[in-house]
Structure formats: structure tokens, C-alpha cells
Amino acid sequence: MITNTTFTPVALTIAGSDSGGGAGIQTDLRTFAFHCVHGTSAITCITAQNTLGVTRVDAMAAEAVVAQIQAVLEDIGVQSAKTGMLLNQKIILAVSQQITAYKINNLVVDPVMVSRTGAQLIDDDAVQTLRNTLVPQAAIITPNRYEAQILSGLEIASLEDMQTAAEIMHRELGVKAVLVKGGGMSGNLRGVDVWFDGERWETLTTKLVETKNTHGTGCTLSAAIAANLALGKDLWTAVQQAKEYVTTALTYSLNIGKGQGPVGHFFPLLQIHGI
């Protein structure tokens, strides 16, 4: 019998399901697979969703989320984890407790609280619970403009504001590193991200990809960071390479549905097939 004795890195995504396949669990698992990382998952909510928007959201019981996490960690184990949409206070608390219990250090928290257009997605109690329990456990958080405003208490309209907000979040929330995403910014700041780890500032810029099909970019970025961490890369390298991956995936975004399509996670295959 031939057995595979090669070490396989494993990552865990704790997030919601997107029936349209453009974001959430589906996007995270595709991103893990692209990086040759085995993907595991704990589903927090089920959405009825397509390229036009979300029509229904059903939360999983917090106990069911915990059971999924425990099933993965007690048998397979993981080298990194990421969180996405956690939806409510009970789920956030439960997830935070599991992160503590299993001592997951390579945790990427995408604090899904506000959409890129500024619509708040979870209630104020859930926001505070996320801020006080889960965010301090993260190796890195990846807020968009509006989430960074909530977490820092600062109105963000410029690059200097993004830097100040990152500094405030690093100092007050106890997180190792902050990446403020510029997808919701305007003008020449659109797509420009700001990194701060307590010692150095970095501004990440790439070519601007003109496409309406950008659904799931935040999920993809945080999942790519988690995948790179599972592969043993340092945090800054993981972020740099994740940013490059998202930019290329945007270049090959999928024009499907009647609204905003997803990015092209498996772009080498798309190139081969001439898509």
C-alpha cells in the first residue's frame, strides 16, 4: 500500500455560506485550494445570495458552530484560521472561546461588520463583542474603511486617516498587526491598503483593475493571508502575497449573473481555457 507521508498544511475558515459562490465559505475554500492548503470549515450562517444581493440569512446555532470547530481541531488540527461573517453576539463569543481553548495563534480576523458601501451588517452588541473578545486574539485584522472607522472611532477620508486608524486599533485592541483596506476609498486611494504592526508602516499598492465583478475580494484576501500563514510564511510576506493574489484574481474576475460577479480564484485554469 502506498501512503502519502508528506505534510499537508491545513487552514480553517469560520464564516457564512454564500449560495452564489462569490464570497464566504465557498470563496475561502477555493482560495485555500489554490494555495495547496487543505481547507476545513465551520459554517456560521446560511445565506440565500447571488450576484444581485442577499435575500435571506439564517444563523446557525452557536452550539453547532462550536461542534464544527471541535470536530476539525480535535482530529485534523490546523496551522491557521480565519473568521468572516459571524453574524451575532452568541456566535462571536462561542468562536472566541474556541480560539482560546485550542490556542490558535495564526488567526486572521476579517471583521465583517459593515459592507464596502457602508451598510452595517451586525448589531451594535455584536460589534462590541467582536471588538472586545475576538479581535484581540488575532494575528492580523483586515477591516475595510467603514469597519476601521467603527473600531478606531475615527472618520477616515485620507491616507493619513488610514494610518492613524491603524495605529489606534493596534494600540487599543491589542492585535499584532492591522491591515486597513482601501477598497471603499475614493480616487487614487481606491484599492490602497495600509499595514501597521506597531513598528513599521507599509502602504500596499498594485495596479487598479477596472471591473464591476469584485464580489468576495475581502474574503479572498483574508483567506489568502491565512493560507500563506498555514504554509509557514511570516505575516508581512503572507499579506504581500495575498494582495498580489487578489489583484490577479480580479484581473480574471467572472462575468456571471446579472450583478456583481466574483473574482477568478483559479486564474491559471481560466488562462488555459481562454476564459
Protein backbone atom coordinates (compact mmCIF):
# COMPACT_ATOMS: atom_id res chain seq x y z
CA MET A 1 0.00 0.00 0.00
CA ILE A 2 1.31 3.43 -0.96
CA THR A 3 0.66 6.14 1.60
CA ASN A 4 1.26 9.87 1.44
CA THR A 5 3.60 10.86 4.24
CA THR A 6 4.08 14.44 3.02
CA PHE A 7 2.96 17.11 5.47
CA THR A 8 -0.21 18.85 4.33
CA PRO A 9 -0.91 22.31 5.77
CA VAL A 10 -4.48 22.86 6.94
CA ALA A 11 -6.48 26.06 7.37
CA LEU A 12 -9.89 26.62 8.94
CA THR A 13 -12.48 29.16 7.84
CA ILE A 14 -15.24 30.15 10.25
CA ALA A 15 -17.74 32.08 8.17
CA GLY A 16 -21.08 32.16 6.39
CA SER A 17 -22.18 30.25 3.30
CA ASP A 18 -22.81 32.18 0.07
CA SER A 19 -25.20 30.22 -2.17
CA GLY A 20 -23.95 32.18 -5.18
CA GLY A 21 -20.39 31.03 -4.52
CA GLY A 22 -18.94 34.53 -4.65
CA ALA A 23 -17.89 35.05 -1.04
CA GLY A 24 -17.86 33.39 2.38
CA ILE A 25 -17.04 29.73 2.91
CA GLN A 26 -17.07 28.91 -0.80
CA THR A 27 -14.54 31.60 -1.66
CA ASP A 28 -12.33 30.77 1.32
CA LEU A 29 -12.11 27.09 0.37
CA ARG A 30 -11.26 27.94 -3.24
CA THR A 31 -8.53 30.28 -2.04
CA PHE A 32 -7.09 27.64 0.30
CA ALA A 33 -7.12 25.09 -2.53
CA PHE A 34 -5.31 27.45 -4.91
CA HIS A 35 -2.51 27.73 -2.33
CA CYS A 36 -2.34 23.92 -1.91
CA VAL A 37 -3.67 24.17 1.64
CA HIS A 38 -6.34 21.74 2.80
CA GLY A 39 -9.44 23.73 3.71
CA THR A 40 -11.75 22.96 6.62
CA SER A 41 -14.80 24.95 7.65
CA ALA A 42 -17.28 25.90 10.34
CA ILE A 43 -20.41 27.47 8.88
CA THR A 44 -21.93 30.28 10.98
CA CYS A 45 -24.90 31.16 8.80
CA ILE A 46 -26.62 30.23 5.57
CA THR A 47 -27.38 32.99 3.07
CA ALA A 48 -29.65 32.97 0.05
CA GLN A 49 -27.44 35.09 -2.16
CA ASN A 50 -26.49 35.74 -5.77
CA THR A 51 -24.72 38.44 -7.78
CA LEU A 52 -27.60 40.86 -7.12
CA GLY A 53 -27.56 40.63 -3.33
CA VAL A 54 -28.72 38.74 -0.24
CA THR A 55 -32.39 37.77 0.14
CA ARG A 56 -32.25 35.69 3.33
CA VAL A 57 -29.87 34.92 6.21
CA ASP A 58 -30.30 32.07 8.70
CA ALA A 59 -27.94 31.82 11.66
CA MET A 60 -26.54 28.50 12.81
CA ALA A 61 -26.93 27.70 16.48
CA ALA A 62 -23.80 28.69 18.37
CA GLU A 63 -23.55 25.10 19.62
CA ALA A 64 -23.48 23.85 16.02
CA VAL A 65 -20.65 26.25 15.18
CA VAL A 66 -18.69 25.03 18.20
CA ALA A 67 -19.27 21.40 17.24
CA GLN A 68 -17.87 22.03 13.75
CA ILE A 69 -14.77 23.75 15.12
CA GLN A 70 -14.15 20.99 17.66
CA ALA A 71 -14.63 18.25 15.07
CA VAL A 72 -11.89 19.77 12.94
CA LEU A 73 -9.44 20.68 15.69
CA GLU A 74 -9.69 17.51 17.74
CA ASP A 75 -8.87 15.29 14.78
CA ILE A 76 -7.18 17.14 11.93
CA GLY A 77 -5.71 20.23 13.58
CA VAL A 78 -4.92 23.45 11.73
CA GLN A 79 -1.92 25.68 11.08
CA SER A 80 -4.08 28.80 10.68
CA ALA A 81 -7.66 30.01 10.85
CA LYS A 82 -9.71 32.92 9.61
CA THR A 83 -13.07 34.34 10.56
CA GLY A 84 -15.57 36.06 8.31
CA MET A 85 -19.26 36.73 8.90
CA LEU A 86 -20.06 35.64 12.47
CA LEU A 87 -23.47 37.35 12.45
CA ASN A 88 -24.41 37.62 16.13
CA GLN A 89 -23.12 38.01 19.65
CA LYS A 90 -23.61 34.38 20.71
CA ILE A 91 -21.64 33.03 17.77
CA ILE A 92 -18.85 35.56 18.25
CA LEU A 93 -18.49 34.62 21.93
CA ALA A 94 -18.53 30.91 21.13
CA VAL A 95 -15.89 31.26 18.42
CA SER A 96 -13.68 33.39 20.66
CA GLN A 97 -13.84 30.76 23.39
CA GLN A 98 -12.80 28.03 20.97
CA ILE A 99 -9.89 30.08 19.65
CA THR A 100 -8.69 30.46 23.24
CA ALA A 101 -9.27 26.82 24.18
CA TYR A 102 -7.35 25.45 21.19
CA LYS A 103 -4.63 28.12 21.30
CA ILE A 104 -4.90 29.13 17.64
CA ASN A 105 -2.18 31.72 17.10
CA ASN A 106 -2.29 32.25 13.33
CA LEU A 107 -5.75 33.83 13.39
CA VAL A 108 -6.86 36.23 10.67
CA VAL A 109 -9.95 38.21 11.61
CA ASP A 110 -11.89 39.79 8.79
CA PRO A 111 -14.22 41.88 10.99
CA VAL A 112 -17.28 41.60 8.79
CA MET A 113 -19.43 44.33 10.30
CA VAL A 114 -20.05 46.83 7.53
CA SER A 115 -20.27 46.37 3.76
CA ARG A 116 -17.97 48.24 1.41
CA THR A 117 -20.88 50.62 0.72
CA GLY A 118 -21.25 51.45 4.43
CA ALA A 119 -24.27 49.30 5.39
CA GLN A 120 -23.93 47.82 8.90
CA LEU A 121 -24.31 44.04 8.81
CA ILE A 122 -24.41 43.13 12.53
CA ASP A 123 -25.96 44.89 15.52
CA ASP A 124 -24.11 47.14 17.96
CA ASP A 125 -23.87 44.49 20.71
CA ALA A 126 -22.25 42.07 18.27
CA VAL A 127 -19.81 44.79 17.16
CA GLN A 128 -18.71 45.40 20.75
CA THR A 129 -18.35 41.69 21.44
CA LEU A 130 -16.23 41.24 18.32
CA ARG A 131 -14.09 44.19 19.33
CA ASN A 132 -13.60 43.06 22.92
CA THR A 133 -13.23 39.27 22.58
CA LEU A 134 -12.15 38.06 19.15
CA VAL A 135 -10.14 40.93 17.67
CA PRO A 136 -7.52 40.93 20.48
CA GLN A 137 -6.79 37.26 19.70
CA ALA A 138 -5.95 37.94 16.06
CA ALA A 139 -2.52 37.93 14.49
CA ILE A 140 -3.98 40.40 12.00
CA ILE A 141 -7.30 42.12 11.33
CA THR A 142 -8.36 43.26 7.86
CA PRO A 143 -11.06 45.94 8.24
CA ASN A 144 -12.42 47.90 5.32
CA ARG A 145 -12.77 51.66 5.56
CA TYR A 146 -16.08 51.62 7.45
CA GLU A 147 -15.09 48.81 9.80
CA ALA A 148 -11.86 50.66 10.57
CA GLN A 149 -13.92 53.76 11.41
CA ILE A 150 -16.01 51.79 13.90
CA LEU A 151 -13.04 50.04 15.50
CA SER A 152 -10.89 53.19 15.74
CA GLY A 153 -13.58 55.80 16.32
CA LEU A 154 -12.00 57.92 13.59
CA GLU A 155 -13.56 59.26 10.40
CA ILE A 156 -11.41 58.08 7.50
CA ALA A 157 -11.05 60.19 4.36
CA SER A 158 -7.32 60.21 3.57
CA LEU A 159 -4.18 58.06 3.65
CA GLU A 160 -3.14 59.80 6.86
CA ASP A 161 -6.51 58.89 8.40
CA MET A 162 -5.99 55.24 7.42
CA GLN A 163 -2.58 55.27 9.09
CA THR A 164 -3.90 56.92 12.25
CA ALA A 165 -6.80 54.47 12.45
CA ALA A 166 -4.40 51.54 12.07
CA GLU A 167 -2.26 52.91 14.89
CA ILE A 168 -5.29 53.39 17.16
CA MET A 169 -6.55 49.86 16.52
CA HIS A 170 -3.13 48.36 17.13
CA ARG A 171 -2.73 50.24 20.38
CA GLU A 172 -6.25 49.89 21.78
CA LEU A 173 -7.29 46.43 20.57
CA GLY A 174 -4.11 44.51 21.27
CA VAL A 175 -3.86 42.96 17.81
CA LYS A 176 -0.40 42.15 16.39
CA ALA A 177 -0.96 43.78 13.02
CA VAL A 178 -3.63 45.80 11.21
CA LEU A 179 -4.35 46.00 7.50
CA VAL A 180 -6.79 48.79 6.65
CA LYS A 181 -8.23 48.04 3.22
CA GLY A 182 -8.81 50.85 0.76
CA GLY A 183 -11.48 49.22 -1.38
CA GLY A 184 -14.07 51.64 -0.04
CA MET A 185 -11.87 54.70 -0.55
CA SER A 186 -12.23 57.06 -3.48
CA GLY A 187 -9.89 58.48 -6.11
CA ASN A 188 -6.28 57.36 -6.08
CA LEU A 189 -6.74 55.68 -2.68
CA ARG A 190 -9.14 53.06 -4.05
CA GLY A 191 -7.50 49.69 -3.51
CA VAL A 192 -4.61 51.11 -1.47
CA ASP A 193 -4.10 49.24 1.82
CA VAL A 194 -2.24 50.38 4.94
CA TRP A 195 -0.26 47.99 7.17
CA PHE A 196 0.91 48.67 10.73
CA ASP A 197 2.44 46.17 13.15
CA GLY A 198 3.48 48.52 15.93
CA GLU A 199 6.89 49.19 14.43
CA ARG A 200 6.57 49.97 10.75
CA TRP A 201 4.15 51.38 8.25
CA GLU A 202 3.69 49.95 4.81
CA THR A 203 1.43 51.07 2.00
CA LEU A 204 0.39 48.33 -0.39
CA THR A 205 -0.43 49.47 -3.88
CA THR A 206 -0.99 47.43 -7.02
CA LYS A 207 -2.39 48.13 -10.44
CA LEU A 208 -6.02 49.22 -10.33
CA VAL A 209 -8.25 46.66 -12.02
CA GLU A 210 -11.33 48.19 -13.61
CA THR A 211 -14.12 45.64 -13.17
CA LYS A 212 -17.55 45.54 -11.60
CA ASN A 213 -17.01 41.90 -10.64
CA THR A 214 -15.40 42.35 -7.23
CA HIS A 215 -17.67 40.24 -5.02
CA GLY A 216 -15.72 38.38 -2.34
CA THR A 217 -12.47 40.32 -2.50
CA GLY A 218 -12.34 40.83 1.27
CA CYS A 219 -12.95 37.14 1.96
CA THR A 220 -10.37 36.19 -0.64
CA LEU A 221 -7.71 38.48 0.85
CA SER A 222 -8.13 37.23 4.41
CA ALA A 223 -8.28 33.60 3.25
CA ALA A 224 -5.10 34.05 1.21
CA ILE A 225 -3.33 35.52 4.25
CA ALA A 226 -4.47 32.53 6.33
CA ALA A 227 -3.31 30.11 3.62
CA ASN A 228 0.12 31.71 3.47
CA LEU A 229 0.41 31.55 7.26
CA ALA A 230 -0.51 27.85 7.14
CA LEU A 231 2.35 27.42 4.67
CA GLY A 232 4.74 28.84 7.27
CA LYS A 233 5.28 32.30 5.82
CA ASP A 234 5.79 35.29 8.08
CA LEU A 235 2.90 37.70 8.49
CA TRP A 236 4.19 40.51 6.28
CA THR A 237 5.09 38.12 3.46
CA ALA A 238 1.67 36.47 3.81
CA VAL A 239 -0.04 39.84 3.41
CA GLN A 240 2.07 40.93 0.43
CA GLN A 241 1.47 37.71 -1.47
CA ALA A 242 -2.23 37.71 -0.60
CA LYS A 243 -2.58 41.22 -2.02
CA GLU A 244 -0.88 40.12 -5.25
CA TYR A 245 -3.14 37.07 -5.49
CA VAL A 246 -6.32 39.13 -5.09
CA THR A 247 -5.18 41.63 -7.72
CA THR A 248 -4.53 38.88 -10.26
CA ALA A 249 -7.81 37.16 -9.40
CA LEU A 250 -9.58 40.48 -10.01
CA THR A 251 -7.95 40.67 -13.43
CA TYR A 252 -9.65 37.37 -14.26
CA SER A 253 -12.94 38.13 -12.48
CA LEU A 254 -16.00 36.19 -13.62
CA ASN A 255 -18.74 37.93 -15.57
CA ILE A 256 -21.60 35.74 -14.33
CA GLY A 257 -25.11 36.62 -13.22
CA LYS A 258 -26.88 39.92 -13.62
CA GLY A 259 -24.99 41.85 -10.98
CA GLN A 260 -21.57 41.82 -9.33
CA GLY A 261 -19.66 38.64 -10.16
CA PRO A 262 -16.82 37.09 -8.14
CA VAL A 263 -13.09 37.17 -8.68
CA GLY A 264 -11.39 34.38 -10.64
CA HIS A 265 -9.72 32.33 -7.93
CA PHE A 266 -8.29 29.69 -10.27
CA PHE A 267 -6.96 32.15 -12.85
CA PRO A 268 -4.26 29.80 -14.25
CA LEU A 269 -7.03 27.43 -15.29
CA LEU A 270 -9.02 30.31 -16.75
CA GLN A 271 -5.96 31.27 -18.79
CA ILE A 272 -5.54 27.71 -20.07
CA HIS A 273 -9.15 27.55 -21.20
CA GLY A 274 -9.08 31.03 -22.71
CA ILE A 275 -11.66 32.50 -20.35
